[in-house]
PDB file of all heavy atoms in Angstrom:
ATOM      1  N   GLU A   1      60.707  72.706 199.569  1.00  0.00           N
ATOM      2  CA  GLU A   1      59.821  73.762 200.069  1.00  0.00           C
ATOM      3  C   GLU A   1      58.427  73.216 200.349  1.00  0.00           C
ATOM      4  O   GLU A   1      57.756  73.679 201.266  1.00  0.00           O
ATOM      5  CB  GLU A   1      59.750  74.896 199.044  1.00  0.00           C
ATOM      6  CG  GLU A   1      58.944  76.066 199.496  1.00  0.00           C
ATOM      7  CD  GLU A   1      59.550  76.798 200.684  1.00  0.00           C
ATOM      8  OE1 GLU A   1      60.767  76.773 200.873  1.00  0.00           O
ATOM      9  OE2 GLU A   1      58.767  77.408 201.432  1.00  0.00           O
ATOM     10  N   LEU A   2      58.005  72.215 199.594  1.00  0.00           N
ATOM     11  CA  LEU A   2      56.685  71.628 199.838  1.00  0.00           C
ATOM     12  C   LEU A   2      56.625  70.878 201.162  1.00  0.00           C
ATOM     13  O   LEU A   2      55.540  70.589 201.664  1.00  0.00           O
ATOM     14  CB  LEU A   2      56.300  70.694 198.683  1.00  0.00           C
ATOM     15  CG  LEU A   2      56.062  71.389 197.350  1.00  0.00           C
ATOM     16  CD1 LEU A   2      55.742  70.365 196.276  1.00  0.00           C
ATOM     17  CD2 LEU A   2      54.951  72.409 197.459  1.00  0.00           C
ATOM     18  N   PHE A   3      57.763  70.553 201.739  1.00  0.00           N
ATOM     19  CA  PHE A   3      57.796  69.987 203.088  1.00  0.00           C
ATOM     20  C   PHE A   3      57.833  71.089 204.143  1.00  0.00           C
ATOM     21  O   PHE A   3      57.338  70.911 205.253  1.00  0.00           O
ATOM     22  CB  PHE A   3      59.005  69.065 203.268  1.00  0.00           C
ATOM     23  CG  PHE A   3      58.881  67.766 202.553  1.00  0.00           C
ATOM     24  CD1 PHE A   3      59.555  67.545 201.366  1.00  0.00           C
ATOM     25  CD2 PHE A   3      58.073  66.765 203.050  1.00  0.00           C
ATOM     26  CE1 PHE A   3      59.436  66.352 200.693  1.00  0.00           C
ATOM     27  CE2 PHE A   3      57.939  65.555 202.393  1.00  0.00           C
ATOM     28  CZ  PHE A   3      58.618  65.357 201.207  1.00  0.00           C
ATOM     29  N   VAL A   4      58.431  72.219 203.812  1.00  0.00           N
ATOM     30  CA  VAL A   4      58.561  73.315 204.770  1.00  0.00           C
ATOM     31  C   VAL A   4      57.208  73.989 205.016  1.00  0.00           C
ATOM     32  O   VAL A   4      56.891  74.369 206.152  1.00  0.00           O
ATOM     33  CB  VAL A   4      59.612  74.339 204.273  1.00  0.00           C
ATOM     34  CG1 VAL A   4      59.613  75.591 205.126  1.00  0.00           C
ATOM     35  CG2 VAL A   4      60.985  73.703 204.252  1.00  0.00           C
ATOM     36  N   ILE A   5      56.399  74.134 203.977  1.00  0.00           N
ATOM     37  CA  ILE A   5      55.122  74.852 204.105  1.00  0.00           C
ATOM     38  C   ILE A   5      54.187  74.197 205.124  1.00  0.00           C
ATOM     39  O   ILE A   5      53.696  74.884 206.027  1.00  0.00           O
ATOM     40  CB  ILE A   5      54.449  75.014 202.730  1.00  0.00           C
ATOM     41  CG1 ILE A   5      55.277  75.944 201.853  1.00  0.00           C
ATOM     42  CG2 ILE A   5      53.035  75.561 202.876  1.00  0.00           C
ATOM     43  CD1 ILE A   5      54.825  76.001 200.417  1.00  0.00           C
ATOM     44  N   PRO A   6      53.908  72.878 205.044  1.00  0.00           N
ATOM     45  CA  PRO A   6      53.004  72.298 206.056  1.00  0.00           C
ATOM     46  C   PRO A   6      53.556  72.376 207.476  1.00  0.00           C
ATOM     47  O   PRO A   6      52.798  72.594 208.425  1.00  0.00           O
ATOM     48  CB  PRO A   6      52.848  70.836 205.626  1.00  0.00           C
ATOM     49  CG  PRO A   6      53.281  70.781 204.229  1.00  0.00           C
ATOM     50  CD  PRO A   6      54.242  71.900 204.022  1.00  0.00           C
ATOM     51  N   ILE A   7      54.863  72.241 207.606  1.00  0.00           N
ATOM     52  CA  ILE A   7      55.462  72.349 208.943  1.00  0.00           C
ATOM     53  C   ILE A   7      55.258  73.766 209.485  1.00  0.00           C
ATOM     54  O   ILE A   7      54.908  73.955 210.653  1.00  0.00           O
ATOM     55  CB  ILE A   7      56.951  71.961 208.899  1.00  0.00           C
ATOM     56  CG1 ILE A   7      57.084  70.464 208.593  1.00  0.00           C
ATOM     57  CG2 ILE A   7      57.652  72.322 210.196  1.00  0.00           C
ATOM     58  CD1 ILE A   7      58.494  70.017 208.302  1.00  0.00           C
ATOM     59  N   GLY A   8      55.452  74.769 208.640  1.00  0.00           N
ATOM     60  CA  GLY A   8      55.234  76.151 209.065  1.00  0.00           C
ATOM     61  C   GLY A   8      53.790  76.420 209.453  1.00  0.00           C
ATOM     62  O   GLY A   8      53.517  77.133 210.416  1.00  0.00           O
ATOM     63  N   LEU A   9      52.857  75.833 208.707  1.00  0.00           N
ATOM     64  CA  LEU A   9      51.448  76.030 209.047  1.00  0.00           C
ATOM     65  C   LEU A   9      51.083  75.309 210.340  1.00  0.00           C
ATOM     66  O   LEU A   9      50.264  75.809 211.120  1.00  0.00           O
ATOM     67  CB  LEU A   9      50.562  75.577 207.886  1.00  0.00           C
ATOM     68  CG  LEU A   9      50.696  76.431 206.615  1.00  0.00           C
ATOM     69  CD1 LEU A   9      49.844  75.856 205.506  1.00  0.00           C
ATOM     70  CD2 LEU A   9      50.338  77.873 206.887  1.00  0.00           C
ATOM     71  N   LEU A  10      51.686  74.158 210.587  1.00  0.00           N
ATOM     72  CA  LEU A  10      51.468  73.479 211.874  1.00  0.00           C
ATOM     73  C   LEU A  10      52.034  74.294 213.031  1.00  0.00           C
ATOM     74  O   LEU A  10      51.443  74.348 214.114  1.00  0.00           O
ATOM     75  CB  LEU A  10      52.080  72.079 211.852  1.00  0.00           C
ATOM     76  CG  LEU A  10      51.352  71.032 211.019  1.00  0.00           C
ATOM     77  CD1 LEU A  10      52.153  69.743 210.973  1.00  0.00           C
ATOM     78  CD2 LEU A  10      49.959  70.778 211.575  1.00  0.00           C
ATOM     79  N   VAL A  11      53.168  74.926 212.803  1.00  0.00           N
ATOM     80  CA  VAL A  11      53.742  75.801 213.832  1.00  0.00           C
ATOM     81  C   VAL A  11      52.811  76.989 214.094  1.00  0.00           C
ATOM     82  O   VAL A  11      52.635  77.412 215.239  1.00  0.00           O
ATOM     83  CB  VAL A  11      55.155  76.265 213.421  1.00  0.00           C
ATOM     84  CG1 VAL A  11      55.663  77.382 214.316  1.00  0.00           C
ATOM     85  CG2 VAL A  11      56.110  75.091 213.435  1.00  0.00           C
ATOM     86  N   ALA A  12      52.182  77.509 213.037  1.00  0.00           N
ATOM     87  CA  ALA A  12      51.235  78.616 213.218  1.00  0.00           C
ATOM     88  C   ALA A  12      50.034  78.177 214.052  1.00  0.00           C
ATOM     89  O   ALA A  12      49.562  78.926 214.912  1.00  0.00           O
ATOM     90  CB  ALA A  12      50.774  79.144 211.856  1.00  0.00           C
ATOM     91  N   VAL A  13      49.539  76.965 213.817  1.00  0.00           N
ATOM     92  CA  VAL A  13      48.422  76.446 214.613  1.00  0.00           C
ATOM     93  C   VAL A  13      48.862  76.266 216.068  1.00  0.00           C
ATOM     94  O   VAL A  13      48.127  76.626 216.995  1.00  0.00           O
ATOM     95  CB  VAL A  13      47.895  75.125 214.020  1.00  0.00           C
ATOM     96  CG1 VAL A  13      46.930  74.441 214.968  1.00  0.00           C
ATOM     97  CG2 VAL A  13      47.237  75.382 212.677  1.00  0.00           C
ATOM     98  N   ALA A  14      50.063  75.730 216.265  1.00  0.00           N
ATOM     99  CA  ALA A  14      50.567  75.552 217.629  1.00  0.00           C
ATOM    100  C   ALA A  14      50.744  76.898 218.327  1.00  0.00           C
ATOM    101  O   ALA A  14      50.449  77.028 219.519  1.00  0.00           O
ATOM    102  CB  ALA A  14      51.886  74.786 217.599  1.00  0.00           C
ATOM    103  N   ALA A  15      51.194  77.909 217.591  1.00  0.00           N
ATOM    104  CA  ALA A  15      51.346  79.245 218.180  1.00  0.00           C
ATOM    105  C   ALA A  15      49.982  79.824 218.548  1.00  0.00           C
ATOM    106  O   ALA A  15      49.842  80.503 219.566  1.00  0.00           O
ATOM    107  CB  ALA A  15      52.072  80.170 217.211  1.00  0.00           C
ATOM    108  N   ARG A  16      48.980  79.546 217.730  1.00  0.00           N
ATOM    109  CA  ARG A  16      47.624  80.036 218.023  1.00  0.00           C
ATOM    110  C   ARG A  16      47.081  79.418 219.303  1.00  0.00           C
ATOM    111  O   ARG A  16      46.340  80.052 220.046  1.00  0.00           O
ATOM    112  CB  ARG A  16      46.703  79.701 216.840  1.00  0.00           C
ATOM    113  CG  ARG A  16      45.294  80.119 217.027  1.00  0.00           C
ATOM    114  CD  ARG A  16      45.162  81.615 216.915  1.00  0.00           C
ATOM    115  NE  ARG A  16      43.766  81.995 217.062  1.00  0.00           N
ATOM    116  CZ  ARG A  16      43.352  83.021 217.764  1.00  0.00           C
ATOM    117  NH1 ARG A  16      44.220  83.805 218.356  1.00  0.00           N
ATOM    118  NH2 ARG A  16      42.087  83.302 217.860  1.00  0.00           N
ATOM    119  N   LEU A  17      47.462  78.181 219.584  1.00  0.00           N
ATOM    120  CA  LEU A  17      46.969  77.483 220.771  1.00  0.00           C
ATOM    121  C   LEU A  17      47.800  77.768 222.023  1.00  0.00           C
ATOM    122  O   LEU A  17      47.411  77.358 223.113  1.00  0.00           O
ATOM    123  CB  LEU A  17      46.942  75.977 220.507  1.00  0.00           C
ATOM    124  CG  LEU A  17      46.015  75.526 219.363  1.00  0.00           C
ATOM    125  CD1 LEU A  17      46.167  74.040 219.118  1.00  0.00           C
ATOM    126  CD2 LEU A  17      44.579  75.898 219.664  1.00  0.00           C
ATOM    127  N   THR A  18      48.927  78.443 221.858  1.00  0.00           N
ATOM    128  CA  THR A  18      49.816  78.740 222.982  1.00  0.00           C
ATOM    129  C   THR A  18      49.692  80.223 223.327  1.00  0.00           C
ATOM    130  O   THR A  18      49.968  81.084 222.494  1.00  0.00           O
ATOM    131  CB  THR A  18      51.271  78.403 222.616  1.00  0.00           C
ATOM    132  OG1 THR A  18      51.319  77.066 222.139  1.00  0.00           O
ATOM    133  CG2 THR A  18      52.182  78.548 223.804  1.00  0.00           C
ATOM    134  N   GLN A  19      49.296  80.495 224.538  1.00  0.00           N
ATOM    135  CA  GLN A  19      48.986  81.868 224.950  1.00  0.00           C
ATOM    136  C   GLN A  19      50.152  82.845 224.794  1.00  0.00           C
ATOM    137  O   GLN A  19      49.948  83.922 224.245  1.00  0.00           O
ATOM    138  CB  GLN A  19      48.473  81.867 226.391  1.00  0.00           C
ATOM    139  CG  GLN A  19      48.038  83.220 226.876  1.00  0.00           C
ATOM    140  CD  GLN A  19      46.886  83.796 226.066  1.00  0.00           C
ATOM    141  OE1 GLN A  19      46.011  83.081 225.608  1.00  0.00           O
ATOM    142  NE2 GLN A  19      46.897  85.105 225.868  1.00  0.00           N
ATOM    143  N   PRO A  20      51.375  82.541 225.234  1.00  0.00           N
ATOM    144  CA  PRO A  20      52.418  83.577 225.168  1.00  0.00           C
ATOM    145  C   PRO A  20      52.790  84.008 223.748  1.00  0.00           C
ATOM    146  O   PRO A  20      53.208  85.140 223.543  1.00  0.00           O
ATOM    147  CB  PRO A  20      53.626  82.934 225.848  1.00  0.00           C
ATOM    148  CG  PRO A  20      53.089  81.809 226.636  1.00  0.00           C
ATOM    149  CD  PRO A  20      51.842  81.360 225.949  1.00  0.00           C
ATOM    150  N   VAL A  21      52.652  83.125 222.776  1.00  0.00           N
ATOM    151  CA  VAL A  21      53.063  83.466 221.412  1.00  0.00           C
ATOM    152  C   VAL A  21      51.872  83.523 220.451  1.00  0.00           C
ATOM    153  O   VAL A  21      52.031  83.419 219.251  1.00  0.00           O
ATOM    154  CB  VAL A  21      54.131  82.475 220.889  1.00  0.00           C
ATOM    155  CG1 VAL A  21      55.434  82.673 221.621  1.00  0.00           C
ATOM    156  CG2 VAL A  21      53.650  81.055 220.974  1.00  0.00           C
ATOM    157  N   ARG A  22      50.693  83.703 220.986  1.00  0.00           N
ATOM    158  CA  ARG A  22      49.494  83.773 220.140  1.00  0.00           C
ATOM    159  C   ARG A  22      49.575  84.874 219.086  1.00  0.00           C
ATOM    160  O   ARG A  22      49.152  84.666 217.950  1.00  0.00           O
ATOM    161  CB  ARG A  22      48.256  83.954 220.998  1.00  0.00           C
ATOM    162  CG  ARG A  22      46.976  83.960 220.177  1.00  0.00           C
ATOM    163  CD  ARG A  22      45.776  83.860 221.030  1.00  0.00           C
ATOM    164  NE  ARG A  22      45.664  82.469 221.482  1.00  0.00           N
ATOM    165  CZ  ARG A  22      44.814  82.068 222.396  1.00  0.00           C
ATOM    166  NH1 ARG A  22      44.003  82.920 222.961  1.00  0.00           N
ATOM    167  NH2 ARG A  22      44.768  80.806 222.752  1.00  0.00           N
ATOM    168  N   PRO A  23      50.149  86.051 219.373  1.00  0.00           N
ATOM    169  CA  PRO A  23      50.246  87.078 218.323  1.00  0.00           C
ATOM    170  C   PRO A  23      51.132  86.675 217.138  1.00  0.00           C
ATOM    171  O   PRO A  23      51.099  87.313 216.102  1.00  0.00           O
ATOM    172  CB  PRO A  23      50.836  88.290 219.047  1.00  0.00           C
ATOM    173  CG  PRO A  23      50.537  88.072 220.476  1.00  0.00           C
ATOM    174  CD  PRO A  23      50.540  86.590 220.675  1.00  0.00           C
ATOM    175  N   TRP A  24      51.939  85.636 217.291  1.00  0.00           N
ATOM    176  CA  TRP A  24      52.805  85.191 216.200  1.00  0.00           C
ATOM    177  C   TRP A  24      52.066  84.350 215.168  1.00  0.00           C
ATOM    178  O   TRP A  24      52.573  84.144 214.070  1.00  0.00           O
ATOM    179  CB  TRP A  24      53.941  84.346 216.739  1.00  0.00           C
ATOM    180  CG  TRP A  24      54.956  85.056 217.545  1.00  0.00           C
ATOM    181  CD1 TRP A  24      54.942  86.364 217.938  1.00  0.00           C
ATOM    182  CD2 TRP A  24      56.142  84.499 218.081  1.00  0.00           C
ATOM    183  NE1 TRP A  24      56.047  86.642 218.684  1.00  0.00           N
ATOM    184  CE2 TRP A  24      56.807  85.520 218.785  1.00  0.00           C
ATOM    185  CE3 TRP A  24      56.722  83.248 218.041  1.00  0.00           C
ATOM    186  CZ2 TRP A  24      58.011  85.316 219.426  1.00  0.00           C
ATOM    187  CZ3 TRP A  24      57.922  83.044 218.677  1.00  0.00           C
ATOM    188  CH2 TRP A  24      58.563  84.064 219.373  1.00  0.00           C
ATOM    189  N   ALA A  25      50.892  83.845 215.477  1.00  0.00           N
ATOM    190  CA  ALA A  25      50.225  82.853 214.626  1.00  0.00           C
ATOM    191  C   ALA A  25      49.959  83.371 213.217  1.00  0.00           C
ATOM    192  O   ALA A  25      50.321  82.723 212.231  1.00  0.00           O
ATOM    193  CB  ALA A  25      48.932  82.383 215.283  1.00  0.00           C
ATOM    194  N   ARG A  26      49.307  84.495 213.087  1.00  0.00           N
ATOM    195  CA  ARG A  26      48.977  85.014 211.756  1.00  0.00           C
ATOM    196  C   ARG A  26      50.228  85.394 210.958  1.00  0.00           C
ATOM    197  O   ARG A  26      50.327  85.024 209.784  1.00  0.00           O
ATOM    198  CB  ARG A  26      48.028  86.198 211.860  1.00  0.00           C
ATOM    199  CG  ARG A  26      47.577  86.683 210.484  1.00  0.00           C
ATOM    200  CD  ARG A  26      46.520  87.752 210.548  1.00  0.00           C
ATOM    201  NE  ARG A  26      45.296  87.161 211.105  1.00  0.00           N
ATOM    202  CZ  ARG A  26      44.482  87.795 211.935  1.00  0.00           C
ATOM    203  NH1 ARG A  26      44.741  89.022 212.290  1.00  0.00           N
ATOM    204  NH2 ARG A  26      43.405  87.210 212.390  1.00  0.00           N
ATOM    205  N   PRO A  27      51.217  86.102 211.545  1.00  0.00           N
ATOM    206  CA  PRO A  27      52.427  86.404 210.765  1.00  0.00           C
ATOM    207  C   PRO A  27      53.188  85.157 210.339  1.00  0.00           C
ATOM    208  O   PRO A  27      53.753  85.123 209.245  1.00  0.00           O
ATOM    209  CB  PRO A  27      53.271  87.255 211.710  1.00  0.00           C
ATOM    210  CG  PRO A  27      52.309  87.843 212.659  1.00  0.00           C
ATOM    211  CD  PRO A  27      51.208  86.844 212.813  1.00  0.00           C
ATOM    212  N   ILE A  28      53.187  84.116 211.181  1.00  0.00           N
ATOM    213  CA  ILE A  28      53.853  82.872 210.788  1.00  0.00           C
ATOM    214  C   ILE A  28      53.142  82.257 209.588  1.00  0.00           C
ATOM    215  O   ILE A  28      53.788  81.842 208.621  1.00  0.00           O
ATOM    216  CB  ILE A  28      53.912  81.885 211.972  1.00  0.00           C
ATOM    217  CG1 ILE A  28      54.907  82.362 213.021  1.00  0.00           C
ATOM    218  CG2 ILE A  28      54.286  80.486 211.490  1.00  0.00           C
ATOM    219  CD1 ILE A  28      54.918  81.530 214.289  1.00  0.00           C
ATOM    220  N   ALA A  29      51.826  82.210 209.622  1.00  0.00           N
ATOM    221  CA  ALA A  29      51.071  81.616 208.516  1.00  0.00           C
ATOM    222  C   ALA A  29      51.254  82.416 207.227  1.00  0.00           C
ATOM    223  O   ALA A  29      51.501  81.844 206.161  1.00  0.00           O
ATOM    224  CB  ALA A  29      49.595  81.515 208.885  1.00  0.00           C
ATOM    225  N   VAL A  30      51.149  83.730 207.311  1.00  0.00           N
ATOM    226  CA  VAL A  30      51.279  84.569 206.114  1.00  0.00           C
ATOM    227  C   VAL A  30      52.693  84.486 205.543  1.00  0.00           C
ATOM    228  O   VAL A  30      52.877  84.340 204.320  1.00  0.00           O
ATOM    229  CB  VAL A  30      50.898  86.033 206.448  1.00  0.00           C
ATOM    230  CG1 VAL A  30      51.259  86.967 205.313  1.00  0.00           C
ATOM    231  CG2 VAL A  30      49.426  86.122 206.763  1.00  0.00           C
ATOM    232  N   THR A  31      53.710  84.557 206.398  1.00  0.00           N
ATOM    233  CA  THR A  31      55.093  84.483 205.934  1.00  0.00           C
ATOM    234  C   THR A  31      55.403  83.117 205.356  1.00  0.00           C
ATOM    235  O   THR A  31      56.134  83.006 204.362  1.00  0.00           O
ATOM    236  CB  THR A  31      56.057  84.809 207.087  1.00  0.00           C
ATOM    237  OG1 THR A  31      55.707  86.080 207.628  1.00  0.00           O
ATOM    238  CG2 THR A  31      57.489  84.832 206.616  1.00  0.00           C
TER     239      THR A  31
END
């Protein structure tokens, strides 16, 4: 799980930088 958490947070950052899925960024980080 300690490997999954940083990958998920990187995905949240990538979602924040990508316009079509920007609304997913905060829910991805929180989840």
